[in-house]
PDB file of N, CA and C in Angstrom:
ATOM      1  N   MET A   1      90.241  50.868 113.200  1.00  0.00           N
ATOM      2  CA  MET A   1      91.029  50.964 112.518  1.00  0.00           C
ATOM      3  C   MET A   1      91.356  52.804 112.072  1.00  0.00           C
ATOM      4  N   LYS A   2      92.150  52.905 111.648  1.00  0.00           N
ATOM      5  CA  LYS A   2      92.358  54.729 111.192  1.00  0.00           C
ATOM      6  C   LYS A   2      91.106  55.158 110.374  1.00  0.00           C
ATOM      7  N   TYR A   3      90.903  56.148 110.942  1.00  0.00           N
ATOM      8  CA  TYR A   3      89.635  57.185 110.459  1.00  0.00           C
ATOM      9  C   TYR A   3      89.652  58.366 110.264  1.00  0.00           C
ATOM     10  N   GLY A   4      91.302  58.689 109.625  1.00  0.00           N
ATOM     11  CA  GLY A   4      91.340  59.985 109.595  1.00  0.00           C
ATOM     12  C   GLY A   4      91.939  60.833 110.377  1.00  0.00           C
ATOM     13  N   ARG A   5      91.831  62.172 110.452  1.00  0.00           N
ATOM     14  CA  ARG A   5      92.546  63.122 111.215  1.00  0.00           C
ATOM     15  C   ARG A   5      91.605  64.229 112.091  1.00  0.00           C
ATOM     16  N   THR A   6      91.266  64.697 113.071  1.00  0.00           N
ATOM     17  CA  THR A   6      90.501  65.259 113.739  1.00  0.00           C
ATOM     18  C   THR A   6      91.350  66.711 113.415  1.00  0.00           C
ATOM     19  N   HIS A   7      90.819  68.024 113.545  1.00  0.00           N
ATOM     20  CA  HIS A   7      90.363  69.366 113.018  1.00  0.00           C
ATOM     21  C   HIS A   7      91.798  69.727 113.816  1.00  0.00           C
ATOM     22  N   TYR A   8      92.299  69.125 114.801  1.00  0.00           N
ATOM     23  CA  TYR A   8      93.701  69.312 115.837  1.00  0.00           C
ATOM     24  C   TYR A   8      95.212  68.804 115.283  1.00  0.00           C
ATOM     25  N   GLY A   9      94.336  67.638 114.361  1.00  0.00           N
ATOM     26  CA  GLY A   9      95.741  66.816 113.824  1.00  0.00           C
ATOM     27  C   GLY A   9      95.891  65.374 114.293  1.00  0.00           C
ATOM     28  N   LYS A  10      95.207  65.309 115.423  1.00  0.00           N
ATOM     29  CA  LYS A  10      95.543  64.129 116.248  1.00  0.00           C
ATOM     30  C   LYS A  10      94.731  62.702 115.486  1.00  0.00           C
ATOM     31  N   GLN A  11      95.142  61.546 115.492  1.00  0.00           N
ATOM     32  CA  GLN A  11      94.798  60.862 114.850  1.00  0.00           C
ATOM     33  C   GLN A  11      93.286  60.200 114.953  1.00  0.00           C
ATOM     34  N   ARG A  12      92.286  59.659 114.480  1.00  0.00           N
ATOM     35  CA  ARG A  12      90.932  59.623 114.534  1.00  0.00           C
ATOM     36  C   ARG A  12      90.625  57.993 114.453  1.00  0.00           C
ATOM     37  N   TYR A  13      90.134  57.256 115.271  1.00  0.00           N
ATOM     38  CA  TYR A  13      89.908  55.922 114.827  1.00  0.00           C
ATOM     39  C   TYR A  13      88.366  55.860 114.600  1.00  0.00           C
ATOM     40  N   ARG A  14      88.105  54.108 114.059  1.00  0.00           N
ATOM     41  CA  ARG A  14      86.540  53.964 114.271  1.00  0.00           C
ATOM     42  C   ARG A  14      86.523  52.516 114.149  1.00  0.00           C
ATOM     43  N   CYS A  15      85.881  51.966 115.104  1.00  0.00           N
ATOM     44  CA  CYS A  15      85.602  50.591 115.677  1.00  0.00           C
ATOM     45  C   CYS A  15      85.228  50.212 114.670  1.00  0.00           C
ATOM     46  N   ARG A  16      85.749  48.564 113.896  1.00  0.00           N
ATOM     47  CA  ARG A  16      84.802  47.787 112.916  1.00  0.00           C
ATOM     48  C   ARG A  16      83.974  47.455 113.718  1.00  0.00           C
ATOM     49  N   ASP A  17      83.648  47.267 114.633  1.00  0.00           N
ATOM     50  CA  ASP A  17      82.309  46.495 115.502  1.00  0.00           C
ATOM     51  C   ASP A  17      80.902  46.993 115.253  1.00  0.00           C
ATOM     52  N   CYS A  18      80.940  48.346 115.999  1.00  0.00           N
ATOM     53  CA  CYS A  18      79.874  49.291 116.383  1.00  0.00           C
ATOM     54  C   CYS A  18      80.127  50.522 115.387  1.00  0.00           C
ATOM     55  N   GLY A  19      80.997  50.909 115.073  1.00  0.00           N
ATOM     56  CA  GLY A  19      81.452  52.171 114.135  1.00  0.00           C
ATOM     57  C   GLY A  19      81.360  53.394 114.821  1.00  0.00           C
ATOM     58  N   ARG A  20      81.664  53.467 116.085  1.00  0.00           N
ATOM     59  CA  ARG A  20      81.527  54.542 117.080  1.00  0.00           C
ATOM     60  C   ARG A  20      83.319  54.970 116.763  1.00  0.00           C
ATOM     61  N   GLN A  21      83.463  56.684 116.956  1.00  0.00           N
ATOM     62  CA  GLN A  21      84.443  57.023 116.461  1.00  0.00           C
ATOM     63  C   GLN A  21      85.284  58.035 117.604  1.00  0.00           C
ATOM     64  N   PHE A  22      86.260  57.304 117.592  1.00  0.00           N
ATOM     65  CA  PHE A  22      87.086  57.937 119.199  1.00  0.00           C
ATOM     66  C   PHE A  22      88.464  58.688 118.452  1.00  0.00           C
ATOM     67  N   VAL A  23      89.405  59.531 119.385  1.00  0.00           N
ATOM     68  CA  VAL A  23      90.815  59.394 119.795  1.00  0.00           C
ATOM     69  C   VAL A  23      91.135  59.801 120.732  1.00  0.00           C
ATOM     70  N   ASP A  24      92.364  58.661 120.070  1.00  0.00           N
ATOM     71  CA  ASP A  24      93.155  58.364 121.127  1.00  0.00           C
ATOM     72  C   ASP A  24      94.055  59.089 122.157  1.00  0.00           C
ATOM     73  N   ASN A  25      94.234  59.319 123.356  1.00  0.00           N
ATOM     74  CA  ASN A  25      94.649  60.292 124.301  1.00  0.00           C
ATOM     75  C   ASN A  25      93.767  61.583 124.067  1.00  0.00           C
ATOM     76  N   PRO A  26      92.893  61.991 124.003  1.00  0.00           N
ATOM     77  CA  PRO A  26      91.702  63.404 123.175  1.00  0.00           C
ATOM     78  C   PRO A  26      92.804  64.605 124.497  1.00  0.00           C
ATOM     79  N   THR A  27      93.305  65.454 123.808  1.00  0.00           N
ATOM     80  CA  THR A  27      93.519  66.558 124.586  1.00  0.00           C
ATOM     81  C   THR A  27      92.669  67.932 125.112  1.00  0.00           C
ATOM     82  N   ARG A  28      91.091  67.631 124.324  1.00  0.00           N
ATOM     83  CA  ARG A  28      89.849  68.171 124.728  1.00  0.00           C
ATOM     84  C   ARG A  28      89.574  67.595 126.097  1.00  0.00           C
ATOM     85  N   GLN A  29      89.120  68.283 127.036  1.00  0.00           N
ATOM     86  CA  GLN A  29      88.613  67.926 128.343  1.00  0.00           C
ATOM     87  C   GLN A  29      87.121  67.883 128.528  1.00  0.00           C
ATOM     88  N   PRO A  30      86.038  67.524 128.926  1.00  0.00           N
ATOM     89  CA  PRO A  30      85.100  67.781 129.434  1.00  0.00           C
ATOM     90  C   PRO A  30      84.863  69.412 129.962  1.00  0.00           C
ATOM     91  N   ILE A  31      83.695  69.545 130.036  1.00  0.00           N
ATOM     92  CA  ILE A  31      83.387  71.165 131.091  1.00  0.00           C
ATOM     93  C   ILE A  31      83.096  70.657 132.152  1.00  0.00           C
ATOM     94  N   GLU A  32      84.014  71.231 133.339  1.00  0.00           N
ATOM     95  CA  GLU A  32      83.710  70.909 134.578  1.00  0.00           C
ATOM     96  C   GLU A  32      82.285  70.877 135.350  1.00  0.00           C
ATOM     97  N   ALA A  33      81.972  70.720 135.941  1.00  0.00           N
ATOM     98  CA  ALA A  33      80.361  71.079 136.899  1.00  0.00           C
ATOM     99  C   ALA A  33      80.703  72.353 137.406  1.00  0.00           C
ATOM    100  N   SER A  34      81.734  73.006 137.876  1.00  0.00           N
ATOM    101  CA  SER A  34      82.059  74.137 138.363  1.00  0.00           C
ATOM    102  C   SER A  34      81.392  74.930 137.322  1.00  0.00           C
ATOM    103  N   THR A  35      82.161  75.057 136.261  1.00  0.00           N
ATOM    104  CA  THR A  35      81.904  75.806 134.822  1.00  0.00           C
ATOM    105  C   THR A  35      80.455  75.945 134.816  1.00  0.00           C
ATOM    106  N   ARG A  36      79.456  74.509 134.774  1.00  0.00           N
ATOM    107  CA  ARG A  36      78.683  74.032 134.338  1.00  0.00           C
ATOM    108  C   ARG A  36      77.371  75.032 135.086  1.00  0.00           C
ATOM    109  N   GLU A  37      78.045  74.996 136.591  1.00  0.00           N
ATOM    110  CA  GLU A  37      76.829  75.474 137.619  1.00  0.00           C
ATOM    111  C   GLU A  37      77.142  77.283 137.440  1.00  0.00           C
ATOM    112  N   LEU A  38      78.329  78.141 136.893  1.00  0.00           N
ATOM    113  CA  LEU A  38      78.511  79.246 136.804  1.00  0.00           C
ATOM    114  C   LEU A  38      77.474  79.789 135.666  1.00  0.00           C
ATOM    115  N   VAL A  39      77.509  78.901 134.566  1.00  0.00           N
ATOM    116  CA  VAL A  39      77.381  79.379 133.310  1.00  0.00           C
ATOM    117  C   VAL A  39      75.539  79.373 133.874  1.00  0.00           C
ATOM    118  N   ASP A  40      75.115  78.499 134.291  1.00  0.00           N
ATOM    119  CA  ASP A  40      73.575  78.250 135.376  1.00  0.00           C
ATOM    120  C   ASP A  40      73.386  79.292 135.630  1.00  0.00           C
ATOM    121  N   LYS A  41      74.235  80.120 136.523  1.00  0.00           N
ATOM    122  CA  LYS A  41      73.869  81.323 137.520  1.00  0.00           C
ATOM    123  C   LYS A  41      73.979  82.230 136.244  1.00  0.00           C
ATOM    124  N   LEU A  42      74.785  82.726 135.652  1.00  0.00           N
ATOM    125  CA  LEU A  42      74.789  83.763 134.441  1.00  0.00           C
ATOM    126  C   LEU A  42      73.622  83.788 133.508  1.00  0.00           C
ATOM    127  N   LEU A  43      73.074  82.599 133.230  1.00  0.00           N
ATOM    128  CA  LEU A  43      72.173  82.288 132.118  1.00  0.00           C
ATOM    129  C   LEU A  43      70.889  83.178 133.310  1.00  0.00           C
ATOM    130  N   LEU A  44      70.881  82.539 134.256  1.00  0.00           N
ATOM    131  CA  LEU A  44      69.802  83.286 135.153  1.00  0.00           C
ATOM    132  C   LEU A  44      69.944  85.094 135.332  1.00  0.00           C
ATOM    133  N   GLU A  45      70.871  85.367 135.059  1.00  0.00           N
ATOM    134  CA  GLU A  45      71.505  86.813 135.002  1.00  0.00           C
ATOM    135  C   GLU A  45      70.927  87.191 133.702  1.00  0.00           C
ATOM    136  N   ARG A  46      70.496  86.531 132.731  1.00  0.00           N
ATOM    137  CA  ARG A  46      70.166  87.191 131.506  1.00  0.00           C
ATOM    138  C   ARG A  46      71.016  87.486 130.760  1.00  0.00           C
ATOM    139  N   LEU A  47      72.257  87.331 130.611  1.00  0.00           N
ATOM    140  CA  LEU A  47      73.517  87.757 129.901  1.00  0.00           C
ATOM    141  C   LEU A  47      73.361  87.278 128.790  1.00  0.00           C
ATOM    142  N   SER A  48      74.324  87.891 128.118  1.00  0.00           N
ATOM    143  CA  SER A  48      74.227  87.113 126.381  1.00  0.00           C
ATOM    144  C   SER A  48      74.817  86.196 126.268  1.00  0.00           C
ATOM    145  N   LEU A  49      74.809  85.224 125.131  1.00  0.00           N
ATOM    146  CA  LEU A  49      75.335  83.746 125.172  1.00  0.00           C
ATOM    147  C   LEU A  49      77.080  84.053 124.959  1.00  0.00           C
ATOM    148  N   ALA A  50      77.026  85.233 124.325  1.00  0.00           N
ATOM    149  CA  ALA A  50      78.639  85.497 123.591  1.00  0.00           C
ATOM    150  C   ALA A  50      79.047  85.900 125.338  1.00  0.00           C
ATOM    151  N   GLY A  51      78.629  86.454 126.008  1.00  0.00           N
ATOM    152  CA  GLY A  51      79.152  87.701 126.887  1.00  0.00           C
ATOM    153  C   GLY A  51      79.922  85.837 128.265  1.00  0.00           C
ATOM    154  N   ILE A  52      78.411  85.012 128.231  1.00  0.00           N
ATOM    155  CA  ILE A  52      78.839  83.731 129.085  1.00  0.00           C
ATOM    156  C   ILE A  52      79.925  83.397 128.126  1.00  0.00           C
ATOM    157  N   ALA A  53      80.208  83.187 127.398  1.00  0.00           N
ATOM    158  CA  ALA A  53      81.206  82.431 126.647  1.00  0.00           C
ATOM    159  C   ALA A  53      82.589  83.007 127.061  1.00  0.00           C
ATOM    160  N   ARG A  54      82.562  84.349 126.737  1.00  0.00           N
ATOM    161  CA  ARG A  54      83.849  85.046 127.303  1.00  0.00           C
ATOM    162  C   ARG A  54      84.338  84.784 129.048  1.00  0.00           C
ATOM    163  N   VAL A  55      82.969  85.099 129.865  1.00  0.00           N
ATOM    164  CA  VAL A  55      83.240  85.130 130.849  1.00  0.00           C
ATOM    165  C   VAL A  55      84.230  83.422 131.368  1.00  0.00           C
ATOM    166  N   THR A  56      83.373  82.720 130.892  1.00  0.00           N
ATOM    167  CA  THR A  56      83.921  81.257 131.404  1.00  0.00           C
ATOM    168  C   THR A  56      84.681  80.321 130.606  1.00  0.00           C
ATOM    169  N   GLY A  57      85.139  80.783 129.880  1.00  0.00           N
ATOM    170  CA  GLY A  57      86.218  80.715 128.603  1.00  0.00           C
ATOM    171  C   GLY A  57      85.790  78.913 127.850  1.00  0.00           C
ATOM    172  N   VAL A  58      84.130  78.886 127.851  1.00  0.00           N
ATOM    173  CA  VAL A  58      83.407  77.826 126.610  1.00  0.00           C
ATOM    174  C   VAL A  58      83.612  78.500 125.188  1.00  0.00           C
ATOM    175  N   SER A  59      83.096  77.241 124.693  1.00  0.00           N
ATOM    176  CA  SER A  59      83.123  77.882 123.053  1.00  0.00           C
ATOM    177  C   SER A  59      81.717  78.445 122.901  1.00  0.00           C
ATOM    178  N   PRO A  60      81.263  78.965 122.224  1.00  0.00           N
ATOM    179  CA  PRO A  60      79.924  79.518 121.970  1.00  0.00           C
ATOM    180  C   PRO A  60      79.167  78.517 121.239  1.00  0.00           C
ATOM    181  N   ARG A  61      79.566  77.235 120.341  1.00  0.00           N
ATOM    182  CA  ARG A  61      78.676  76.106 120.234  1.00  0.00           C
ATOM    183  C   ARG A  61      78.409  75.431 121.246  1.00  0.00           C
ATOM    184  N   TRP A  62      79.784  74.876 121.968  1.00  0.00           N
ATOM    185  CA  TRP A  62      78.936  74.142 123.545  1.00  0.00           C
ATOM    186  C   TRP A  62      78.350  74.379 123.888  1.00  0.00           C
ATOM    187  N   LEU A  63      78.194  76.362 124.193  1.00  0.00           N
ATOM    188  CA  LEU A  63      77.158  76.660 125.180  1.00  0.00           C
ATOM    189  C   LEU A  63      75.634  76.791 124.479  1.00  0.00           C
ATOM    190  N   GLN A  64      75.531  76.995 123.291  1.00  0.00           N
ATOM    191  CA  GLN A  64      74.594  77.129 122.448  1.00  0.00           C
ATOM    192  C   GLN A  64      74.253  75.433 122.880  1.00  0.00           C
ATOM    193  N   THR A  65      74.817  74.632 122.560  1.00  0.00           N
ATOM    194  CA  THR A  65      74.098  72.702 122.570  1.00  0.00           C
ATOM    195  C   THR A  65      74.015  72.751 123.892  1.00  0.00           C
ATOM    196  N   TYR A  66      74.565  73.440 125.124  1.00  0.00           N
ATOM    197  CA  TYR A  66      74.122  73.121 126.547  1.00  0.00           C
ATOM    198  C   TYR A  66      72.650  74.022 126.780  1.00  0.00           C
ATOM    199  N   VAL A  67      72.884  75.074 126.315  1.00  0.00           N
ATOM    200  CA  VAL A  67      71.426  75.519 126.370  1.00  0.00           C
ATOM    201  C   VAL A  67      70.171  75.141 126.041  1.00  0.00           C
ATOM    202  N   ASN A  68      70.758  74.390 124.522  1.00  0.00           N
ATOM    203  CA  ASN A  68      68.909  73.903 123.744  1.00  0.00           C
ATOM    204  C   ASN A  68      69.193  72.576 125.089  1.00  0.00           C
ATOM    205  N   GLN A  69      69.926  71.799 125.648  1.00  0.00           N
ATOM    206  CA  GLN A  69      69.648  70.538 126.023  1.00  0.00           C
ATOM    207  C   GLN A  69      68.960  70.900 127.686  1.00  0.00           C
ATOM    208  N   LYS A  70      69.129  71.697 128.131  1.00  0.00           N
ATOM    209  CA  LYS A  70      68.469  72.152 129.403  1.00  0.00           C
ATOM    210  C   LYS A  70      67.149  72.869 128.282  1.00  0.00           C
ATOM    211  N   LEU A  71      67.075  73.535 127.759  1.00  0.00           N
ATOM    212  CA  LEU A  71      65.663  74.015 127.410  1.00  0.00           C
ATOM    213  C   LEU A  71      64.681  72.360 126.781  1.00  0.00           C
ATOM    214  N   GLU A  72      65.184  71.233 126.131  1.00  0.00           N
ATOM    215  CA  GLU A  72      64.660  70.503 126.341  1.00  0.00           C
ATOM    216  C   GLU A  72      64.071  69.560 127.357  1.00  0.00           C
ATOM    217  N   SER A  73      64.571  70.051 128.793  1.00  0.00           N
ATOM    218  CA  SER A  73      65.084  69.213 129.970  1.00  0.00           C
ATOM    219  C   SER A  73      63.620  70.205 130.522  1.00  0.00           C
ATOM    220  N   VAL A  74      63.659  71.025 130.443  1.00  0.00           N
ATOM    221  CA  VAL A  74      62.346  71.770 131.027  1.00  0.00           C
ATOM    222  C   VAL A  74      60.960  71.507 130.753  1.00  0.00           C
ATOM    223  N   HIS A  75      60.107  70.450 131.678  1.00  0.00           N
ATOM    224  CA  HIS A  75      58.929  70.808 131.380  1.00  0.00           C
ATOM    225  C   HIS A  75      58.105  71.992 131.544  1.00  0.00           C
ATOM    226  N   GLU A  76      57.206  71.858 130.406  1.00  0.00           N
ATOM    227  CA  GLU A  76      56.819  73.519 130.063  1.00  0.00           C
ATOM    228  C   GLU A  76      54.999  73.056 130.410  1.00  0.00           C
ATOM    229  N   ASP A  77      54.593  73.210 131.460  1.00  0.00           N
ATOM    230  CA  ASP A  77      53.195  73.038 131.702  1.00  0.00           C
ATOM    231  C   ASP A  77      52.699  74.693 132.285  1.00  0.00           C
ATOM    232  N   LEU A  78      51.989  74.993 130.987  1.00  0.00           N
ATOM    233  CA  LEU A  78      51.216  76.093 131.324  1.00  0.00           C
ATOM    234  C   LEU A  78      49.953  76.330 131.252  1.00  0.00           C
ATOM    235  N   SER A  79      49.305  76.654 132.355  1.00  0.00           N
ATOM    236  CA  SER A  79      47.834  76.942 132.153  1.00  0.00           C
ATOM    237  C   SER A  79      47.560  78.086 132.535  1.00  0.00           C
ATOM    238  N   VAL A  80      46.401  78.513 131.702  1.00  0.00           N
ATOM    239  CA  VAL A  80      45.624  79.989 131.855  1.00  0.00           C
ATOM    240  C   VAL A  80      44.633  79.991 132.666  1.00  0.00           C
ATOM    241  N   SER A  81      44.409  80.608 133.665  1.00  0.00           N
ATOM    242  CA  SER A  81      43.047  80.929 134.229  1.00  0.00           C
ATOM    243  C   SER A  81      42.257  82.530 133.801  1.00  0.00           C
ATOM    244  N   PRO A  82      40.918  82.408 133.151  1.00  0.00           N
ATOM    245  CA  PRO A  82      40.701  83.276 132.691  1.00  0.00           C
ATOM    246  C   PRO A  82      40.498  84.907 134.076  1.00  0.00           C
ATOM    247  N   LYS A  83      40.284  85.613 133.567  1.00  0.00           N
ATOM    248  CA  LYS A  83      40.916  87.074 134.277  1.00  0.00           C
ATOM    249  C   LYS A  83      39.659  87.276 134.967  1.00  0.00           C
ATOM    250  N   LYS A  84      39.688  87.837 135.986  1.00  0.00           N
ATOM    251  CA  LYS A  84      38.322  88.091 136.901  1.00  0.00           C
ATOM    252  C   LYS A  84      37.846  89.509 136.439  1.00  0.00           C
ATOM    253  N   LYS A  85      36.581  89.496 136.011  1.00  0.00           N
ATOM    254  CA  LYS A  85      35.986  90.834 135.709  1.00  0.00           C
ATOM    255  C   LYS A  85      35.723  91.732 136.830  1.00  0.00           C
ATOM    256  N   VAL A  86      36.268  93.068 136.735  1.00  0.00           N
ATOM    257  CA  VAL A  86      35.836  93.989 137.352  1.00  0.00           C
ATOM    258  C   VAL A  86      34.579  94.964 136.766  1.00  0.00           C
ATOM    259  N   ASN A  87      33.195  94.766 137.475  1.00  0.00           N
ATOM    260  CA  ASN A  87      32.320  95.321 137.546  1.00  0.00           C
ATOM    261  C   ASN A  87      32.410  97.057 137.992  1.00  0.00           C
TER     262      ASN A  87
END
């Protein structure tokens, strides 16, 4: 059934059975794998998120979400060993 419009003006629909929202023939495409790889490389170079968004052409909001997902997927195993004492 019809469920309003997107901020781009496209008709939005909602499934009566599951409640899922979708747009018929969306114009916004997912970020390509090559762009994701470039973002990963630029993150390793410790560039600012705003700079990475400008260079790659992705939105700052998408980039922040992507970085947050990357951070959640990293297994954080910290072990502290005592420092050797020098006499």
